[in-house]
């Protein structure tokens, strides 16, 4: 187990539609309510009438009372909340399930980008993935200039011999067999990733499952750039 969400803060709902990048409308029973989306991506598999799980916010000052936590796809709960990505990776690492060991620094400024982790001298940027096609997850599901900047900074970190550099993808589909960069969605990010690979930046993917309240680690899967 990586993380357990108390069932008393979770609710089942139905996705109605997306208002903008960070706001959606959901139906809780017979009541429509605005829900916060903590994911700047497209979430391409989240369609109207999809079953979702929402988690109650702890802040009484929030405009929205709930955050999107997961959505249903092919009878599977797909975890979808980037707020928890760093925590998920850190717990996975501390359990000895990754290749990383050492002293952790978080949110470190590296060559113009704020990178998620510096582990000893190794820079690690963590990305989540929820878009699956033909048993393979794809990143990104929307163009991401921020993602390109992160990879560019990792290239400089590696090229200037500051230490190793990794992009780690958290894949939230139990049936995913691999991770690929979605060249057609963001050709510039794809080209930057290929360049990064040529400079020695490494790409890893770790797969997780979610049963509706417990997020659990499954295994490492291949990450391809072709």
C-alpha atoms as a PDB file:
ATOM      1  CA  UNK A   1       0.000   0.000   0.000  1.00  0.00           C
ATOM      2  CA  UNK A   2       1.241   3.486  -0.892  1.00  0.00           C
ATOM      3  CA  UNK A   3      -1.620   5.660   0.360  1.00  0.00           C
ATOM      4  CA  UNK A   4      -5.013   5.092   1.966  1.00  0.00           C
ATOM      5  CA  UNK A   5      -7.786   7.680   1.696  1.00  0.00           C
ATOM      6  CA  UNK A   6     -10.305   7.522   4.582  1.00  0.00           C
ATOM      7  CA  UNK A   7     -13.670   6.468   3.201  1.00  0.00           C
ATOM      8  CA  UNK A   8     -15.504   9.104   5.211  1.00  0.00           C
ATOM      9  CA  UNK A   9     -13.959  11.904   3.074  1.00  0.00           C
ATOM     10  CA  UNK A  10     -14.744  10.203  -0.256  1.00  0.00           C
ATOM     11  CA  UNK A  11     -17.911  10.317  -2.347  1.00  0.00           C
ATOM     12  CA  UNK A  12     -19.040   8.703  -5.583  1.00  0.00           C
ATOM     13  CA  UNK A  13     -20.398  11.068  -8.211  1.00  0.00           C
ATOM     14  CA  UNK A  14     -21.088  11.368 -11.938  1.00  0.00           C
ATOM     15  CA  UNK A  15     -19.005  13.642 -14.155  1.00  0.00           C
ATOM     16  CA  UNK A  16     -21.192  16.121 -16.064  1.00  0.00           C
ATOM     17  CA  UNK A  17     -18.670  18.309 -17.870  1.00  0.00           C
ATOM     18  CA  UNK A  18     -15.562  20.431 -17.611  1.00  0.00           C
ATOM     19  CA  UNK A  19     -15.981  24.179 -17.184  1.00  0.00           C
ATOM     20  CA  UNK A  20     -12.292  24.974 -17.618  1.00  0.00           C
ATOM     21  CA  UNK A  21      -8.899  23.385 -16.929  1.00  0.00           C
ATOM     22  CA  UNK A  22      -9.362  23.278 -13.164  1.00  0.00           C
ATOM     23  CA  UNK A  23     -13.120  23.187 -12.706  1.00  0.00           C
ATOM     24  CA  UNK A  24     -15.801  20.634 -13.523  1.00  0.00           C
ATOM     25  CA  UNK A  25     -19.443  19.990 -12.774  1.00  0.00           C
ATOM     26  CA  UNK A  26     -20.391  16.702 -11.147  1.00  0.00           C
ATOM     27  CA  UNK A  27     -23.691  15.225 -10.014  1.00  0.00           C
ATOM     28  CA  UNK A  28     -23.763  13.984  -6.437  1.00  0.00           C
ATOM     29  CA  UNK A  29     -27.046  12.134  -6.175  1.00  0.00           C
ATOM     30  CA  UNK A  30     -29.525  14.576  -7.695  1.00  0.00           C
ATOM     31  CA  UNK A  31     -27.447  17.687  -6.924  1.00  0.00           C
ATOM     32  CA  UNK A  32     -25.015  19.313  -9.334  1.00  0.00           C
ATOM     33  CA  UNK A  33     -21.861  20.716  -7.765  1.00  0.00           C
ATOM     34  CA  UNK A  34     -18.649  22.318  -8.992  1.00  0.00           C
ATOM     35  CA  UNK A  35     -15.559  20.166  -8.347  1.00  0.00           C
ATOM     36  CA  UNK A  36     -11.912  21.230  -8.438  1.00  0.00           C
ATOM     37  CA  UNK A  37      -9.629  19.384 -10.886  1.00  0.00           C
ATOM     38  CA  UNK A  38      -6.040  19.228  -9.660  1.00  0.00           C
ATOM     39  CA  UNK A  39      -4.578  18.247 -13.041  1.00  0.00           C
ATOM     40  CA  UNK A  40      -3.582  20.701 -15.809  1.00  0.00           C
ATOM     41  CA  UNK A  41      -3.757  17.981 -18.477  1.00  0.00           C
ATOM     42  CA  UNK A  42      -6.581  17.063 -20.806  1.00  0.00           C
ATOM     43  CA  UNK A  43      -7.731  13.916 -18.914  1.00  0.00           C
ATOM     44  CA  UNK A  44      -8.894  12.598 -22.281  1.00  0.00           C
ATOM     45  CA  UNK A  45     -10.679   9.526 -20.893  1.00  0.00           C
ATOM     46  CA  UNK A  46     -12.915  11.588 -18.602  1.00  0.00           C
ATOM     47  CA  UNK A  47     -16.196  11.777 -20.513  1.00  0.00           C
ATOM     48  CA  UNK A  48     -19.694  12.973 -19.515  1.00  0.00           C
ATOM     49  CA  UNK A  49     -21.598  10.402 -17.405  1.00  0.00           C
ATOM     50  CA  UNK A  50     -18.355   8.791 -16.224  1.00  0.00           C
ATOM     51  CA  UNK A  51     -18.358   7.599 -12.619  1.00  0.00           C
ATOM     52  CA  UNK A  52     -15.878   9.523 -10.471  1.00  0.00           C
ATOM     53  CA  UNK A  53     -14.584   9.583  -6.902  1.00  0.00           C
ATOM     54  CA  UNK A  54     -14.244  12.949  -5.215  1.00  0.00           C
ATOM     55  CA  UNK A  55     -12.482  13.830  -1.972  1.00  0.00           C
ATOM     56  CA  UNK A  56     -13.672  16.456   0.472  1.00  0.00           C
ATOM     57  CA  UNK A  57     -11.426  19.492   0.919  1.00  0.00           C
ATOM     58  CA  UNK A  58     -10.057  20.284   4.365  1.00  0.00           C
ATOM     59  CA  UNK A  59     -10.193  24.043   3.791  1.00  0.00           C
ATOM     60  CA  UNK A  60     -13.443  25.818   4.753  1.00  0.00           C
ATOM     61  CA  UNK A  61     -12.400  28.845   2.644  1.00  0.00           C
ATOM     62  CA  UNK A  62     -12.360  26.955  -0.647  1.00  0.00           C
ATOM     63  CA  UNK A  63     -14.825  27.891  -3.380  1.00  0.00           C
ATOM     64  CA  UNK A  64     -15.294  24.198  -4.157  1.00  0.00           C
ATOM     65  CA  UNK A  65     -15.923  21.592  -1.452  1.00  0.00           C
ATOM     66  CA  UNK A  66     -14.465  18.625  -3.347  1.00  0.00           C
ATOM     67  CA  UNK A  67     -11.506  17.612  -5.530  1.00  0.00           C
ATOM     68  CA  UNK A  68     -11.558  15.018  -8.296  1.00  0.00           C
ATOM     69  CA  UNK A  69      -9.604  11.984  -7.078  1.00  0.00           C
ATOM     70  CA  UNK A  70     -10.289   9.232  -9.635  1.00  0.00           C
ATOM     71  CA  UNK A  71     -12.487   8.307 -12.579  1.00  0.00           C
ATOM     72  CA  UNK A  72     -13.760   5.032 -13.969  1.00  0.00           C
ATOM     73  CA  UNK A  73     -12.448   3.560 -17.212  1.00  0.00           C
ATOM     74  CA  UNK A  74     -13.162   0.008 -18.371  1.00  0.00           C
ATOM     75  CA  UNK A  75     -14.312  -0.954 -14.852  1.00  0.00           C
ATOM     76  CA  UNK A  76     -11.083   0.341 -13.316  1.00  0.00           C
ATOM     77  CA  UNK A  77     -10.560   3.311 -11.036  1.00  0.00           C
ATOM     78  CA  UNK A  78      -7.920   5.612 -12.541  1.00  0.00           C
ATOM     79  CA  UNK A  79      -6.247   7.858  -9.982  1.00  0.00           C
ATOM     80  CA  UNK A  80      -6.250  11.440 -11.269  1.00  0.00           C
ATOM     81  CA  UNK A  81      -5.020  14.093  -8.876  1.00  0.00           C
ATOM     82  CA  UNK A  82      -1.563  15.608  -9.434  1.00  0.00           C
ATOM     83  CA  UNK A  83      -1.576  17.142  -5.947  1.00  0.00           C
ATOM     84  CA  UNK A  84      -0.423  13.751  -4.616  1.00  0.00           C
ATOM     85  CA  UNK A  85       2.218  12.882  -7.227  1.00  0.00           C
ATOM     86  CA  UNK A  86       5.257  13.977  -5.216  1.00  0.00           C
ATOM     87  CA  UNK A  87       3.957  12.270  -2.084  1.00  0.00           C
ATOM     88  CA  UNK A  88       3.290   9.054  -4.004  1.00  0.00           C
ATOM     89  CA  UNK A  89       6.785   9.014  -5.462  1.00  0.00           C
ATOM     90  CA  UNK A  90       8.434   9.770  -2.131  1.00  0.00           C
ATOM     91  CA  UNK A  91       6.551   6.999  -0.326  1.00  0.00           C
ATOM     92  CA  UNK A  92       7.374   4.564  -3.137  1.00  0.00           C
ATOM     93  CA  UNK A  93      11.038   5.504  -2.880  1.00  0.00           C
ATOM     94  CA  UNK A  94      11.184   5.225   0.908  1.00  0.00           C
ATOM     95  CA  UNK A  95       9.657   1.735   0.657  1.00  0.00           C
ATOM     96  CA  UNK A  96      12.624   0.720  -1.502  1.00  0.00           C
ATOM     97  CA  UNK A  97      10.534   0.165  -4.641  1.00  0.00           C
ATOM     98  CA  UNK A  98      12.527   2.496  -6.928  1.00  0.00           C
ATOM     99  CA  UNK A  99      16.146   2.821  -8.040  1.00  0.00           C
ATOM    100  CA  UNK A 100      16.618   5.938  -5.887  1.00  0.00           C
ATOM    101  CA  UNK A 101      18.301   6.139  -2.502  1.00  0.00           C
ATOM    102  CA  UNK A 102      19.712   9.008  -0.501  1.00  0.00           C
ATOM    103  CA  UNK A 103      18.968  12.380   0.997  1.00  0.00           C
ATOM    104  CA  UNK A 104      15.890  14.084  -0.443  1.00  0.00           C
ATOM    105  CA  UNK A 105      15.428  17.782  -1.176  1.00  0.00           C
ATOM    106  CA  UNK A 106      12.078  18.875  -2.594  1.00  0.00           C
ATOM    107  CA  UNK A 107      11.093  21.602  -5.071  1.00  0.00           C
ATOM    108  CA  UNK A 108      14.662  22.509  -6.008  1.00  0.00           C
ATOM    109  CA  UNK A 109      15.432  25.329  -8.467  1.00  0.00           C
ATOM    110  CA  UNK A 110      17.568  23.912 -11.295  1.00  0.00           C
ATOM    111  CA  UNK A 111      18.482  25.988 -14.356  1.00  0.00           C
ATOM    112  CA  UNK A 112      15.272  28.004 -14.341  1.00  0.00           C
ATOM    113  CA  UNK A 113      12.844  25.199 -13.402  1.00  0.00           C
ATOM    114  CA  UNK A 114      11.539  23.990 -10.072  1.00  0.00           C
ATOM    115  CA  UNK A 115      12.276  20.257 -10.145  1.00  0.00           C
ATOM    116  CA  UNK A 116      10.347  17.929  -7.828  1.00  0.00           C
ATOM    117  CA  UNK A 117      13.293  16.210  -6.139  1.00  0.00           C
ATOM    118  CA  UNK A 118      17.039  16.360  -5.752  1.00  0.00           C
ATOM    119  CA  UNK A 119      18.156  13.007  -4.326  1.00  0.00           C
ATOM    120  CA  UNK A 120      21.786  13.460  -3.374  1.00  0.00           C
ATOM    121  CA  UNK A 121      22.911  15.030  -6.696  1.00  0.00           C
ATOM    122  CA  UNK A 122      20.281  13.299  -8.865  1.00  0.00           C
ATOM    123  CA  UNK A 123      17.504  15.529 -10.247  1.00  0.00           C
ATOM    124  CA  UNK A 124      14.091  13.838 -10.526  1.00  0.00           C
ATOM    125  CA  UNK A 125      10.986  15.290 -12.150  1.00  0.00           C
ATOM    126  CA  UNK A 126       7.728  13.370 -11.557  1.00  0.00           C
ATOM    127  CA  UNK A 127       4.842  13.258 -14.048  1.00  0.00           C
ATOM    128  CA  UNK A 128       1.482  11.497 -13.805  1.00  0.00           C
ATOM    129  CA  UNK A 129      -0.177   9.600 -16.635  1.00  0.00           C
ATOM    130  CA  UNK A 130      -3.858   8.634 -16.991  1.00  0.00           C
ATOM    131  CA  UNK A 131      -4.273   8.287 -20.788  1.00  0.00           C
ATOM    132  CA  UNK A 132      -4.139   4.688 -22.032  1.00  0.00           C
ATOM    133  CA  UNK A 133      -4.416   3.376 -25.600  1.00  0.00           C
ATOM    134  CA  UNK A 134      -3.800  -0.200 -26.707  1.00  0.00           C
ATOM    135  CA  UNK A 135      -2.352  -1.233 -23.335  1.00  0.00           C
ATOM    136  CA  UNK A 136       0.172   1.635 -23.283  1.00  0.00           C
ATOM    137  CA  UNK A 137      -0.029   4.929 -21.373  1.00  0.00           C
ATOM    138  CA  UNK A 138       0.841   8.161 -23.147  1.00  0.00           C
ATOM    139  CA  UNK A 139       2.238  11.431 -21.849  1.00  0.00           C
ATOM    140  CA  UNK A 140       1.289  14.214 -22.246  1.00  0.00           C
ATOM    141  CA  UNK A 141      -2.431  14.337 -22.998  1.00  0.00           C
ATOM    142  CA  UNK A 142      -2.215  18.086 -23.765  1.00  0.00           C
ATOM    143  CA  UNK A 143       0.656  20.357 -24.886  1.00  0.00           C
ATOM    144  CA  UNK A 144       2.785  21.351 -21.901  1.00  0.00           C
ATOM    145  CA  UNK A 145       5.336  24.124 -22.105  1.00  0.00           C
ATOM    146  CA  UNK A 146       6.073  23.605 -18.415  1.00  0.00           C
ATOM    147  CA  UNK A 147       6.935  19.972 -19.104  1.00  0.00           C
ATOM    148  CA  UNK A 148       9.309  20.971 -21.898  1.00  0.00           C
ATOM    149  CA  UNK A 149      11.034  23.454 -19.593  1.00  0.00           C
ATOM    150  CA  UNK A 150      11.490  20.754 -16.950  1.00  0.00           C
ATOM    151  CA  UNK A 151      13.171  18.427 -19.446  1.00  0.00           C
ATOM    152  CA  UNK A 152      15.373  21.237 -20.748  1.00  0.00           C
ATOM    153  CA  UNK A 153      16.560  21.959 -17.202  1.00  0.00           C
ATOM    154  CA  UNK A 154      17.309  18.264 -16.645  1.00  0.00           C
ATOM    155  CA  UNK A 155      19.479  18.293 -19.795  1.00  0.00           C
ATOM    156  CA  UNK A 156      21.500  21.199 -18.405  1.00  0.00           C
ATOM    157  CA  UNK A 157      21.823  19.493 -15.030  1.00  0.00           C
ATOM    158  CA  UNK A 158      23.179  16.345 -16.699  1.00  0.00           C
ATOM    159  CA  UNK A 159      25.276  18.128 -19.341  1.00  0.00           C
ATOM    160  CA  UNK A 160      27.008  20.338 -16.779  1.00  0.00           C
ATOM    161  CA  UNK A 161      27.957  17.249 -14.757  1.00  0.00           C
ATOM    162  CA  UNK A 162      25.911  18.325 -11.750  1.00  0.00           C
ATOM    163  CA  UNK A 163      24.539  14.793 -11.378  1.00  0.00           C
ATOM    164  CA  UNK A 164      22.191  12.275 -12.949  1.00  0.00           C
ATOM    165  CA  UNK A 165      18.757  13.322 -14.194  1.00  0.00           C
ATOM    166  CA  UNK A 166      15.478  11.381 -14.452  1.00  0.00           C
ATOM    167  CA  UNK A 167      11.918  11.866 -15.604  1.00  0.00           C
ATOM    168  CA  UNK A 168       9.715   9.488 -13.606  1.00  0.00           C
ATOM    169  CA  UNK A 169       6.200   8.743 -14.841  1.00  0.00           C
ATOM    170  CA  UNK A 170       3.543   7.525 -12.413  1.00  0.00           C
ATOM    171  CA  UNK A 171       1.206   5.381 -14.494  1.00  0.00           C
ATOM    172  CA  UNK A 172      -2.254   4.937 -12.982  1.00  0.00           C
ATOM    173  CA  UNK A 173      -3.617   2.052 -15.082  1.00  0.00           C
ATOM    174  CA  UNK A 174      -3.313  -1.525 -13.874  1.00  0.00           C
ATOM    175  CA  UNK A 175      -3.340  -2.896 -17.437  1.00  0.00           C
ATOM    176  CA  UNK A 176      -0.689  -0.579 -18.874  1.00  0.00           C
ATOM    177  CA  UNK A 177       2.292  -2.460 -20.255  1.00  0.00           C
ATOM    178  CA  UNK A 178       4.447   0.511 -21.221  1.00  0.00           C
ATOM    179  CA  UNK A 179       4.764   4.304 -21.275  1.00  0.00           C
ATOM    180  CA  UNK A 180       5.304   6.348 -24.435  1.00  0.00           C
ATOM    181  CA  UNK A 181       5.723  10.041 -25.196  1.00  0.00           C
ATOM    182  CA  UNK A 182       2.711  11.294 -27.178  1.00  0.00           C
ATOM    183  CA  UNK A 183       4.544  12.815 -30.131  1.00  0.00           C
ATOM    184  CA  UNK A 184       1.344  13.836 -31.886  1.00  0.00           C
ATOM    185  CA  UNK A 185       0.084  15.763 -28.846  1.00  0.00           C
ATOM    186  CA  UNK A 186       3.249  17.759 -28.181  1.00  0.00           C
ATOM    187  CA  UNK A 187       5.975  17.359 -30.851  1.00  0.00           C
ATOM    188  CA  UNK A 188       8.191  19.929 -29.110  1.00  0.00           C
ATOM    189  CA  UNK A 189       8.144  17.973 -25.848  1.00  0.00           C
ATOM    190  CA  UNK A 190       8.818  14.758 -27.762  1.00  0.00           C
ATOM    191  CA  UNK A 191      11.852  16.315 -29.483  1.00  0.00           C
ATOM    192  CA  UNK A 192      13.129  17.652 -26.158  1.00  0.00           C
ATOM    193  CA  UNK A 193      12.718  14.200 -24.602  1.00  0.00           C
ATOM    194  CA  UNK A 194      14.692  12.578 -27.439  1.00  0.00           C
ATOM    195  CA  UNK A 195      17.400  15.209 -27.005  1.00  0.00           C
ATOM    196  CA  UNK A 196      17.425  14.587 -23.248  1.00  0.00           C
ATOM    197  CA  UNK A 197      17.832  10.855 -23.787  1.00  0.00           C
ATOM    198  CA  UNK A 198      20.819  11.490 -26.049  1.00  0.00           C
ATOM    199  CA  UNK A 199      22.422  13.527 -23.246  1.00  0.00           C
ATOM    200  CA  UNK A 200      21.905  10.720 -20.739  1.00  0.00           C
ATOM    201  CA  UNK A 201      18.679  11.798 -19.024  1.00  0.00           C
ATOM    202  CA  UNK A 202      16.844   8.620 -18.018  1.00  0.00           C
ATOM    203  CA  UNK A 203      13.101   7.916 -18.312  1.00  0.00           C
ATOM    204  CA  UNK A 204      11.359   5.542 -15.902  1.00  0.00           C
ATOM    205  CA  UNK A 205       7.737   4.482 -15.405  1.00  0.00           C
ATOM    206  CA  UNK A 206       6.133   2.996 -12.288  1.00  0.00           C
ATOM    207  CA  UNK A 207       2.636   1.502 -12.388  1.00  0.00           C
ATOM    208  CA  UNK A 208      -0.041   1.856  -9.683  1.00  0.00           C
ATOM    209  CA  UNK A 209      -3.566   0.651  -9.061  1.00  0.00           C
ATOM    210  CA  UNK A 210      -6.406   2.253  -7.114  1.00  0.00           C
ATOM    211  CA  UNK A 211      -9.274   0.292  -5.558  1.00  0.00           C
ATOM    212  CA  UNK A 212     -11.421   3.282  -4.639  1.00  0.00           C
ATOM    213  CA  UNK A 213      -9.696   4.154  -1.368  1.00  0.00           C
ATOM    214  CA  UNK A 214      -6.223   2.541  -1.450  1.00  0.00           C
ATOM    215  CA  UNK A 215      -3.468   3.387  -3.920  1.00  0.00           C
ATOM    216  CA  UNK A 216      -0.952   0.577  -4.342  1.00  0.00           C
ATOM    217  CA  UNK A 217       2.294   0.011  -6.242  1.00  0.00           C
ATOM    218  CA  UNK A 218       2.337  -2.673  -8.947  1.00  0.00           C
ATOM    219  CA  UNK A 219       5.627  -2.674 -10.833  1.00  0.00           C
ATOM    220  CA  UNK A 220       8.100  -0.846 -13.024  1.00  0.00           C
ATOM    221  CA  UNK A 221       7.169  -0.836 -16.742  1.00  0.00           C
ATOM    222  CA  UNK A 222       9.214   0.172 -19.828  1.00  0.00           C
ATOM    223  CA  UNK A 223       9.282   3.818 -20.917  1.00  0.00           C
ATOM    224  CA  UNK A 224       9.796   4.263 -24.676  1.00  0.00           C
ATOM    225  CA  UNK A 225      10.602   7.382 -26.705  1.00  0.00           C
ATOM    226  CA  UNK A 226       9.832   5.950 -30.165  1.00  0.00           C
END
